N, C-alpha and C. Protein backbone atom coordinates (compact mmCIF):
# COMPACT_ATOMS: atom_id res chain seq x y z
N MET A 1 -62.04 -165.71 93.58
CA MET A 1 -62.67 -164.98 94.73
C MET A 1 -61.60 -164.44 95.54
N CYS A 2 -62.08 -163.21 96.09
CA CYS A 2 -61.27 -162.40 96.85
C CYS A 2 -61.47 -162.62 98.27
N ALA A 3 -60.44 -162.30 99.08
CA ALA A 3 -60.54 -162.48 100.40
C ALA A 3 -61.25 -161.27 101.07
N SER A 4 -61.51 -160.07 100.35
CA SER A 4 -61.98 -159.12 100.80
C SER A 4 -62.97 -158.40 99.83
N ASN A 5 -63.87 -157.52 100.31
CA ASN A 5 -64.72 -156.70 99.47
C ASN A 5 -63.64 -155.70 98.46
N VAL A 6 -64.15 -155.58 97.28
CA VAL A 6 -63.52 -154.53 96.59
C VAL A 6 -63.83 -153.32 96.85
N LEU A 7 -63.07 -152.40 97.06
CA LEU A 7 -63.18 -151.05 97.45
C LEU A 7 -62.91 -150.02 96.37
N LEU A 8 -63.59 -149.10 96.09
CA LEU A 8 -63.45 -148.01 95.04
C LEU A 8 -63.05 -146.90 95.74
N ARG A 9 -61.89 -146.26 95.22
CA ARG A 9 -61.25 -145.04 95.86
C ARG A 9 -61.07 -144.00 94.95
N GLU A 10 -61.37 -142.83 95.19
CA GLU A 10 -60.83 -141.84 94.27
C GLU A 10 -59.53 -140.85 94.92
N ARG A 11 -58.83 -140.65 94.10
CA ARG A 11 -57.45 -139.97 94.46
C ARG A 11 -57.24 -138.74 93.61
N PHE A 12 -57.29 -137.62 94.05
CA PHE A 12 -57.00 -136.31 93.18
C PHE A 12 -55.38 -136.24 93.20
N ASP A 13 -55.06 -136.13 91.93
CA ASP A 13 -53.61 -135.95 91.42
C ASP A 13 -53.43 -134.27 91.36
N LYS A 14 -52.68 -133.82 92.16
CA LYS A 14 -52.47 -132.39 92.25
C LYS A 14 -51.73 -131.87 91.07
N ARG A 15 -50.75 -132.79 90.60
CA ARG A 15 -49.92 -132.27 89.30
C ARG A 15 -50.65 -132.30 88.10
N ARG A 16 -51.66 -133.23 87.75
CA ARG A 16 -52.28 -133.04 86.72
C ARG A 16 -53.91 -132.49 86.74
N GLY A 17 -54.23 -132.28 87.91
CA GLY A 17 -55.45 -131.60 88.33
C GLY A 17 -56.85 -132.56 88.06
N LYS A 18 -56.46 -134.02 88.11
CA LYS A 18 -57.48 -134.95 87.63
C LYS A 18 -57.80 -135.87 88.86
N VAL A 19 -58.99 -136.38 88.81
CA VAL A 19 -59.21 -137.46 89.89
C VAL A 19 -59.19 -138.78 89.04
N TYR A 20 -58.44 -139.69 89.83
CA TYR A 20 -58.33 -140.94 89.46
C TYR A 20 -59.18 -142.16 90.27
N ASN A 21 -59.64 -143.08 89.62
CA ASN A 21 -60.28 -144.00 90.43
C ASN A 21 -59.36 -145.23 90.53
N THR A 22 -59.43 -145.96 91.67
CA THR A 22 -58.66 -146.97 91.74
C THR A 22 -59.43 -148.10 92.44
N LEU A 23 -59.12 -149.51 92.23
CA LEU A 23 -59.90 -150.74 92.90
C LEU A 23 -58.86 -151.45 93.91
N HIS A 24 -59.23 -151.58 95.08
CA HIS A 24 -58.32 -152.27 96.04
C HIS A 24 -59.14 -153.36 96.58
N PHE A 25 -58.33 -154.65 96.53
CA PHE A 25 -58.79 -155.78 96.96
C PHE A 25 -57.68 -156.62 97.63
N SER A 26 -57.94 -157.69 98.19
CA SER A 26 -57.05 -158.68 98.56
C SER A 26 -57.44 -159.98 98.00
N THR A 27 -56.30 -160.77 97.50
CA THR A 27 -56.81 -162.08 97.04
C THR A 27 -56.23 -163.19 98.22
N ARG A 28 -56.91 -164.35 98.02
CA ARG A 28 -56.56 -165.40 98.88
C ARG A 28 -55.08 -166.00 98.75
N SER A 29 -54.55 -166.44 99.86
CA SER A 29 -53.35 -167.16 99.64
C SER A 29 -53.55 -168.50 99.88
N LEU A 30 -52.83 -169.16 98.69
CA LEU A 30 -52.81 -170.35 98.72
C LEU A 30 -51.51 -171.11 98.81
N PRO A 31 -51.50 -172.48 99.27
CA PRO A 31 -50.09 -172.99 99.73
C PRO A 31 -49.51 -173.23 98.35
N PHE A 32 -50.18 -173.40 97.02
CA PHE A 32 -49.25 -174.07 96.07
C PHE A 32 -48.41 -172.81 95.38
N PHE A 33 -48.60 -171.60 95.95
CA PHE A 33 -48.01 -170.39 95.63
C PHE A 33 -46.53 -170.26 96.29
N ASN A 34 -46.58 -170.86 97.46
CA ASN A 34 -45.42 -170.78 98.30
C ASN A 34 -44.03 -171.42 97.47
N LEU A 35 -44.23 -172.35 96.56
CA LEU A 35 -43.08 -172.45 95.67
C LEU A 35 -42.42 -171.31 95.03
N TYR A 36 -43.38 -170.38 94.30
CA TYR A 36 -42.73 -169.22 93.70
C TYR A 36 -42.27 -168.32 94.74
N TYR A 37 -42.79 -168.23 96.21
CA TYR A 37 -42.39 -167.47 96.97
C TYR A 37 -40.87 -167.81 97.46
N GLU A 38 -40.66 -169.23 97.80
CA GLU A 38 -39.60 -169.69 97.83
C GLU A 38 -38.42 -169.48 96.79
N LEU A 39 -38.92 -169.61 95.52
CA LEU A 39 -37.97 -169.19 94.59
C LEU A 39 -37.61 -167.74 94.34
N PHE A 40 -38.23 -167.01 94.50
CA PHE A 40 -38.04 -165.56 94.49
C PHE A 40 -37.81 -164.81 95.59
N TYR A 41 -37.72 -165.16 96.76
CA TYR A 41 -37.25 -164.75 98.03
C TYR A 41 -36.39 -165.62 98.89
N ASP A 42 -35.56 -164.82 99.37
CA ASP A 42 -34.25 -165.33 100.36
C ASP A 42 -34.36 -164.44 101.68
N LYS A 43 -34.94 -165.18 102.55
CA LYS A 43 -34.93 -164.40 103.91
C LYS A 43 -35.58 -163.15 103.80
N LYS A 44 -36.74 -163.12 102.95
CA LYS A 44 -37.63 -162.18 102.75
C LYS A 44 -37.12 -160.84 101.97
N VAL A 45 -35.81 -161.29 101.27
CA VAL A 45 -35.35 -160.28 100.34
C VAL A 45 -35.69 -160.92 98.82
N LYS A 46 -36.29 -160.09 97.79
CA LYS A 46 -36.52 -160.35 96.65
C LYS A 46 -35.17 -160.73 95.64
N VAL A 47 -35.13 -161.90 95.24
CA VAL A 47 -33.94 -162.70 94.49
C VAL A 47 -34.26 -163.08 93.02
N VAL A 48 -33.55 -162.94 92.07
CA VAL A 48 -33.80 -163.77 91.01
C VAL A 48 -33.10 -165.23 90.89
N PRO A 49 -33.85 -166.36 90.80
CA PRO A 49 -33.45 -167.81 91.05
C PRO A 49 -32.38 -167.75 90.16
N SER A 50 -31.40 -168.87 90.39
CA SER A 50 -30.35 -169.14 89.47
C SER A 50 -30.64 -169.93 88.49
N ASN A 51 -31.88 -170.44 88.40
CA ASN A 51 -32.56 -171.23 87.22
C ASN A 51 -33.60 -170.46 86.43
N ILE A 52 -33.15 -169.18 86.46
CA ILE A 52 -34.26 -168.23 85.64
C ILE A 52 -34.26 -168.43 84.30
N GLY A 53 -33.10 -168.90 83.79
CA GLY A 53 -33.09 -169.33 82.24
C GLY A 53 -33.99 -170.42 81.93
N LEU A 54 -34.35 -171.19 82.76
CA LEU A 54 -35.28 -172.49 82.51
C LEU A 54 -36.78 -171.88 82.82
N LEU A 55 -36.88 -170.64 83.67
CA LEU A 55 -38.31 -170.52 83.93
C LEU A 55 -38.86 -169.09 83.28
N LEU A 56 -37.75 -168.42 82.45
CA LEU A 56 -38.13 -167.25 81.61
C LEU A 56 -38.74 -167.77 80.36
N SER A 57 -39.89 -168.28 80.08
CA SER A 57 -40.47 -168.64 78.98
C SER A 57 -40.89 -167.39 78.19
N PRO A 58 -41.21 -167.67 76.78
CA PRO A 58 -41.98 -166.60 76.11
C PRO A 58 -43.07 -165.98 76.89
N ILE A 59 -43.99 -166.90 77.24
CA ILE A 59 -45.02 -166.37 78.10
C ILE A 59 -44.73 -165.72 79.18
N ALA A 60 -43.87 -166.23 80.14
CA ALA A 60 -43.33 -165.51 81.46
C ALA A 60 -42.60 -164.07 80.74
N LEU A 61 -41.89 -164.18 79.93
CA LEU A 61 -41.34 -162.75 79.23
C LEU A 61 -42.50 -161.83 78.89
N GLY A 62 -43.41 -162.43 78.29
CA GLY A 62 -44.61 -161.55 78.08
C GLY A 62 -45.44 -160.92 78.92
N GLN A 63 -45.63 -161.67 79.97
CA GLN A 63 -46.29 -161.22 81.33
C GLN A 63 -45.54 -160.32 82.13
N TRP A 64 -44.04 -160.41 81.99
CA TRP A 64 -43.14 -159.61 82.87
C TRP A 64 -43.20 -158.18 82.24
N ILE A 65 -43.20 -158.23 80.66
CA ILE A 65 -43.40 -156.95 79.98
C ILE A 65 -44.69 -156.21 80.22
N MET A 66 -45.81 -156.96 80.33
CA MET A 66 -47.27 -156.35 80.56
C MET A 66 -47.35 -155.70 81.95
N ASP A 67 -46.49 -156.46 82.96
CA ASP A 67 -46.62 -155.97 84.22
C ASP A 67 -45.48 -154.68 84.63
N ASP A 68 -44.48 -154.96 84.22
CA ASP A 68 -43.12 -154.04 84.58
C ASP A 68 -42.60 -153.36 83.49
N GLY A 69 -42.94 -153.45 82.35
CA GLY A 69 -42.49 -152.88 81.30
C GLY A 69 -43.14 -151.32 80.80
N SER A 70 -42.20 -150.55 80.23
CA SER A 70 -42.81 -149.40 79.71
C SER A 70 -42.04 -149.04 78.44
N PHE A 71 -42.34 -148.34 77.45
CA PHE A 71 -41.71 -148.03 76.33
C PHE A 71 -41.63 -146.53 76.15
N LYS A 72 -40.55 -146.05 75.86
CA LYS A 72 -39.92 -144.88 75.53
C LYS A 72 -38.57 -144.97 74.85
N TYR A 73 -38.57 -144.74 73.37
CA TYR A 73 -37.25 -145.01 72.89
C TYR A 73 -36.57 -146.41 72.73
N GLY A 74 -37.46 -147.17 73.52
CA GLY A 74 -37.08 -148.88 73.84
C GLY A 74 -37.81 -149.17 74.99
N LEU A 75 -37.59 -150.49 75.47
CA LEU A 75 -38.25 -150.98 76.49
C LEU A 75 -37.44 -151.00 77.82
N THR A 76 -38.06 -150.47 78.91
CA THR A 76 -37.46 -150.52 80.13
C THR A 76 -38.18 -151.53 80.95
N LEU A 77 -37.59 -152.43 81.82
CA LEU A 77 -38.15 -153.37 82.70
C LEU A 77 -37.96 -152.92 84.01
N GLN A 78 -38.90 -152.75 84.92
CA GLN A 78 -38.52 -152.37 86.20
C GLN A 78 -38.00 -153.43 87.09
N THR A 79 -36.73 -153.41 87.26
CA THR A 79 -35.87 -154.56 88.15
C THR A 79 -35.31 -154.02 89.48
N ASN A 80 -35.79 -152.76 89.59
CA ASN A 80 -35.39 -151.98 90.80
C ASN A 80 -35.38 -152.57 92.32
N ALA A 81 -36.11 -153.64 92.18
CA ALA A 81 -36.02 -154.49 93.62
C ALA A 81 -35.04 -155.37 93.74
N PHE A 82 -34.20 -155.74 92.60
CA PHE A 82 -33.43 -156.62 92.51
C PHE A 82 -31.87 -155.94 92.60
N SER A 83 -30.82 -156.91 92.96
CA SER A 83 -29.37 -156.29 93.26
C SER A 83 -29.07 -156.33 91.44
N VAL A 84 -27.86 -155.41 91.64
CA VAL A 84 -27.20 -155.27 90.25
C VAL A 84 -26.73 -156.68 89.70
N SER A 85 -26.19 -157.74 90.39
CA SER A 85 -26.03 -159.11 90.03
C SER A 85 -27.24 -159.86 89.43
N ASP A 86 -28.38 -159.56 90.00
CA ASP A 86 -29.38 -160.34 89.81
C ASP A 86 -29.81 -159.86 88.29
N VAL A 87 -29.89 -158.51 88.26
CA VAL A 87 -30.26 -157.78 86.90
C VAL A 87 -29.17 -158.26 85.76
N GLU A 88 -28.05 -158.53 86.06
CA GLU A 88 -27.10 -158.75 85.19
C GLU A 88 -27.40 -160.18 84.86
N LEU A 89 -27.65 -161.16 85.49
CA LEU A 89 -28.09 -162.46 85.43
C LEU A 89 -29.51 -162.42 84.33
N LEU A 90 -30.24 -161.70 84.63
CA LEU A 90 -31.59 -161.45 83.75
C LEU A 90 -31.09 -161.09 82.26
N ILE A 91 -30.14 -160.10 82.45
CA ILE A 91 -29.86 -159.70 81.01
C ILE A 91 -29.18 -160.84 80.33
N SER A 92 -28.23 -161.60 80.87
CA SER A 92 -27.48 -162.55 80.40
C SER A 92 -28.40 -163.76 79.85
N VAL A 93 -29.69 -163.94 80.38
CA VAL A 93 -30.62 -164.89 80.25
C VAL A 93 -31.49 -164.32 78.90
N LEU A 94 -31.62 -163.07 78.75
CA LEU A 94 -32.29 -162.53 77.69
C LEU A 94 -31.45 -162.71 76.41
N LYS A 95 -30.12 -162.58 76.50
CA LYS A 95 -29.31 -162.72 75.54
C LYS A 95 -29.19 -164.13 75.15
N SER A 96 -28.93 -165.01 76.16
CA SER A 96 -28.48 -166.44 75.80
C SER A 96 -30.00 -167.16 75.40
N ASN A 97 -31.10 -166.84 75.89
CA ASN A 97 -32.27 -167.60 75.59
C ASN A 97 -33.06 -166.96 74.24
N TYR A 98 -32.95 -165.74 74.10
CA TYR A 98 -33.60 -164.98 72.99
C TYR A 98 -32.72 -164.10 72.05
N ASP A 99 -31.59 -164.07 72.25
CA ASP A 99 -30.80 -163.20 71.56
C ASP A 99 -31.02 -161.65 71.55
N ILE A 100 -31.53 -161.28 72.63
CA ILE A 100 -31.98 -160.01 73.11
C ILE A 100 -30.98 -159.20 73.74
N ILE A 101 -30.36 -158.16 73.35
CA ILE A 101 -29.45 -157.41 73.91
C ILE A 101 -30.05 -156.24 74.54
N SER A 102 -29.45 -156.41 75.80
CA SER A 102 -30.17 -155.26 76.66
C SER A 102 -29.06 -154.65 77.70
N HIS A 103 -29.39 -153.65 78.63
CA HIS A 103 -28.34 -152.88 79.21
C HIS A 103 -29.00 -152.75 80.68
N ILE A 104 -28.18 -152.38 81.63
CA ILE A 104 -28.44 -151.84 82.88
C ILE A 104 -28.56 -150.37 82.63
N ARG A 105 -29.62 -149.87 83.34
CA ARG A 105 -29.34 -148.41 83.51
C ARG A 105 -30.00 -148.24 85.12
N PHE A 106 -29.80 -147.00 85.53
CA PHE A 106 -30.00 -146.80 86.96
C PHE A 106 -31.12 -145.75 86.87
N GLU A 107 -32.17 -146.06 87.71
CA GLU A 107 -33.13 -145.09 87.93
C GLU A 107 -33.35 -144.76 89.55
N ARG A 108 -33.08 -143.59 89.81
CA ARG A 108 -33.07 -143.40 91.41
C ARG A 108 -32.27 -144.39 92.05
N ASN A 109 -30.76 -144.55 91.28
CA ASN A 109 -29.82 -145.26 91.88
C ASN A 109 -30.22 -146.88 92.27
N GLN A 110 -31.32 -147.13 91.38
CA GLN A 110 -31.64 -148.82 91.15
C GLN A 110 -31.27 -149.15 89.78
N PRO A 111 -31.16 -150.45 89.62
CA PRO A 111 -31.03 -151.16 88.34
C PRO A 111 -32.19 -151.44 87.71
N ILE A 112 -32.39 -150.91 86.59
CA ILE A 112 -33.43 -151.41 85.54
C ILE A 112 -32.84 -151.89 84.22
N ILE A 113 -33.62 -152.74 83.34
CA ILE A 113 -32.99 -153.07 82.30
C ILE A 113 -33.80 -152.23 81.19
N TYR A 114 -32.79 -152.18 80.25
CA TYR A 114 -33.17 -151.31 79.06
C TYR A 114 -33.04 -152.10 77.66
N ILE A 115 -33.83 -152.29 77.10
CA ILE A 115 -33.95 -153.15 75.73
C ILE A 115 -34.12 -151.98 74.79
N PRO A 116 -32.91 -151.80 73.96
CA PRO A 116 -33.04 -150.80 72.80
C PRO A 116 -34.16 -150.80 71.88
N ALA A 117 -34.40 -149.75 71.19
CA ALA A 117 -35.60 -149.86 69.89
C ALA A 117 -35.02 -150.72 68.98
N ASP A 118 -33.95 -151.07 68.83
CA ASP A 118 -33.52 -151.72 67.45
C ASP A 118 -33.73 -153.43 67.94
N GLN A 119 -33.94 -153.55 69.09
CA GLN A 119 -34.08 -155.04 69.54
C GLN A 119 -35.62 -155.44 69.72
N ILE A 120 -36.50 -154.40 69.67
CA ILE A 120 -38.09 -154.51 69.85
C ILE A 120 -38.68 -155.43 68.82
N ASP A 121 -38.25 -155.41 67.43
CA ASP A 121 -38.72 -156.13 66.38
C ASP A 121 -38.71 -157.89 66.82
N LYS A 122 -37.34 -157.80 67.27
CA LYS A 122 -37.04 -159.47 67.72
C LYS A 122 -38.06 -159.82 68.74
N LEU A 123 -38.05 -158.82 69.72
CA LEU A 123 -38.94 -159.29 71.06
C LEU A 123 -40.20 -159.37 70.69
N LYS A 124 -40.82 -158.57 69.77
CA LYS A 124 -42.28 -158.67 69.38
C LYS A 124 -42.59 -160.16 68.79
N LEU A 125 -41.56 -160.72 68.18
CA LEU A 125 -41.84 -162.05 67.24
C LEU A 125 -41.82 -163.00 68.68
N ILE A 126 -41.34 -162.86 69.64
CA ILE A 126 -41.21 -163.80 70.82
C ILE A 126 -42.24 -163.62 71.59
N VAL A 127 -42.77 -162.55 71.99
CA VAL A 127 -44.06 -162.39 73.07
C VAL A 127 -45.14 -161.77 72.76
N LEU A 128 -45.42 -160.98 71.57
CA LEU A 128 -46.64 -160.27 71.16
C LEU A 128 -47.81 -161.20 71.07
N SER A 129 -47.72 -162.57 70.81
CA SER A 129 -49.10 -163.39 70.71
C SER A 129 -49.29 -163.94 72.15
N TYR A 130 -48.49 -163.60 73.28
CA TYR A 130 -48.71 -164.05 74.75
C TYR A 130 -49.17 -162.74 75.40
N MET A 131 -49.37 -161.70 74.70
CA MET A 131 -49.43 -160.42 75.59
C MET A 131 -51.00 -159.88 75.23
N GLU A 132 -51.80 -159.46 76.24
CA GLU A 132 -53.16 -158.86 75.92
C GLU A 132 -52.90 -157.79 74.92
N PRO A 133 -53.77 -157.80 74.04
CA PRO A 133 -53.61 -156.41 73.13
C PRO A 133 -53.64 -155.28 73.65
N SER A 134 -54.47 -154.87 74.84
CA SER A 134 -54.41 -153.60 75.45
C SER A 134 -53.07 -153.12 75.89
N THR A 135 -52.00 -154.02 75.94
CA THR A 135 -50.76 -153.94 76.53
C THR A 135 -49.65 -153.93 75.29
N HIS A 136 -50.22 -153.83 74.31
CA HIS A 136 -49.20 -153.85 73.07
C HIS A 136 -48.46 -152.49 73.05
N TYR A 137 -49.00 -151.62 73.59
CA TYR A 137 -48.15 -150.07 73.52
C TYR A 137 -47.09 -150.07 74.28
N LYS A 138 -46.92 -151.35 75.24
CA LYS A 138 -45.79 -151.43 75.97
C LYS A 138 -44.37 -151.83 75.20
N LEU A 139 -44.67 -152.30 73.79
CA LEU A 139 -43.77 -152.57 72.86
C LEU A 139 -43.69 -151.45 71.82
N GLY A 140 -44.25 -150.31 72.01
CA GLY A 140 -44.18 -149.30 71.08
C GLY A 140 -45.25 -149.33 69.99
N LEU A 141 -46.13 -150.07 69.89
CA LEU A 141 -47.27 -150.42 69.20
C LEU A 141 -48.43 -149.45 69.31
């Protein structure tokens, strides 16, 4: 159940000359979500928790890709809300937990994770069964 009504909005994209529809709604805030807020925020600043290696399961990795992933010659994960040291921690967890080699790239002076195309087959074996089929394109499929 939503905390507000669902609103349909139209937006004209001048660059493409098309009208796009979006749905806007607010969800309820429940106390059991506070645990995740406390893990991923320090004084209202988004952080990667030090125990991320225990938290980043194959299901969580698949969800992360569906939410923040994009594919072009490899997979990028939008981590631009995090510090460079937090992104380095995520890269080390991808390597230690899944033997996935990845690198930091900078997009608008913000760090993002890049997973090269030669690592995608390995990644597919880990996450594909946990991903909604309509998002498989994020792995180049």
